[in-house]
C-alpha cells in the first residue's frame, strides 16, 4: 500500500548521522544522498526519505512530510488527487 515516507529536516547531514545509526541498529544500511539533496533509505521494498521542505520554509510538523501510496497506474493515482 505505501510506496514511501518522507520527513522534512533542516540539516540533512545531522539527519543522516541520526538515521544511519538508527537503521544500522535495526539491521539496515546507511542512507545515500541523491542529486536533489534527499537522504534515501531502501529496505525490503520500503523507501524512507528525508529532505529539506520544497517550499524553502523551516521543517516543522509535516512541513516537508509526505506519505506516498503505491498505485497500479498513473490513472489510478490521479483518481485520488
Protein backbone atom coordinates (compact mmCIF):
# COMPACT_ATOMS: atom_id res chain seq x y z
CA UNK A 1 0.00 0.00 0.00
CA UNK A 2 2.69 2.52 0.93
CA UNK A 3 5.39 3.41 -1.54
CA UNK A 4 7.39 5.72 0.73
CA UNK A 5 7.50 8.01 3.75
CA UNK A 6 9.30 11.35 3.58
CA UNK A 7 10.17 13.60 6.50
CA UNK A 8 11.37 17.19 6.43
CA UNK A 9 14.66 18.25 8.05
CA UNK A 10 16.65 21.46 8.04
CA UNK A 11 20.05 19.76 8.46
CA UNK A 12 20.42 16.75 6.16
CA UNK A 13 23.94 15.95 7.45
CA UNK A 14 22.70 15.75 11.05
CA UNK A 15 19.68 13.73 9.95
CA UNK A 16 21.96 11.30 8.09
CA UNK A 17 24.08 10.71 11.21
CA UNK A 18 20.94 10.06 13.27
CA UNK A 19 19.13 7.81 10.77
CA UNK A 20 22.29 5.93 9.72
CA UNK A 21 22.81 4.96 13.37
CA UNK A 22 19.12 4.14 13.82
CA UNK A 23 18.81 1.97 10.72
CA UNK A 24 22.16 0.22 11.33
CA UNK A 25 20.93 -0.70 14.83
CA UNK A 26 17.84 -2.20 13.17
CA UNK A 27 19.92 -4.25 10.72
CA UNK A 28 19.68 -1.82 7.81
CA UNK A 29 22.25 0.10 5.80
CA UNK A 30 23.46 3.67 5.67
CA UNK A 31 21.43 6.03 3.54
CA UNK A 32 22.57 7.80 0.40
CA UNK A 33 22.02 11.38 -0.71
CA UNK A 34 20.61 11.84 -4.22
CA UNK A 35 21.43 14.73 -6.60
CA UNK A 36 18.47 16.71 -5.21
CA UNK A 37 19.91 16.50 -1.68
CA UNK A 38 17.35 13.99 -0.40
CA UNK A 39 18.50 11.34 2.05
CA UNK A 40 17.26 7.90 0.98
CA UNK A 41 17.00 4.57 2.78
CA UNK A 42 15.78 1.44 0.99
CA UNK A 43 14.80 -1.75 2.81
CA UNK A 44 12.56 -4.67 1.84
CA UNK A 45 10.69 -2.66 -0.78
CA UNK A 46 10.11 0.31 1.52
CA UNK A 47 11.60 3.75 0.97
CA UNK A 48 12.28 6.25 3.75
CA UNK A 49 13.40 9.73 2.69
CA UNK A 50 14.48 12.90 4.46
CA UNK A 51 14.51 16.23 2.62
CA UNK A 52 14.56 19.95 3.14
CA UNK A 53 11.00 21.23 2.62
CA UNK A 54 10.34 22.12 -1.02
CA UNK A 55 8.74 25.46 -0.06
CA UNK A 56 12.03 26.66 1.49
CA UNK A 57 10.46 27.19 4.90
CA UNK A 58 11.89 25.51 8.02
CA UNK A 59 10.97 21.89 8.63
CA UNK A 60 8.22 21.51 11.20
CA UNK A 61 5.41 19.08 11.95
CA UNK A 62 4.61 17.76 8.47
CA UNK A 63 6.24 20.65 6.55
CA UNK A 64 8.22 18.56 4.10
CA UNK A 65 6.43 15.39 5.17
CA UNK A 66 4.95 13.03 2.60
CA UNK A 67 3.35 9.61 2.79
CA UNK A 68 3.20 8.01 -0.64
CA UNK A 69 0.70 5.34 -1.55
CA UNK A 70 1.58 2.64 -4.05
CA UNK A 71 -0.78 2.57 -7.05
CA UNK A 72 -1.02 0.27 -10.04
CA UNK A 73 -1.10 3.04 -12.65
CA UNK A 74 -0.78 6.77 -13.11
CA UNK A 75 -4.51 6.90 -13.82
CA UNK A 76 -5.32 5.19 -10.53
CA UNK A 77 -3.18 7.70 -8.65
CA UNK A 78 -4.77 10.64 -10.44
CA UNK A 79 -8.17 9.43 -9.31
CA UNK A 80 -7.38 10.25 -5.68
CA UNK A 81 -5.65 13.60 -6.15
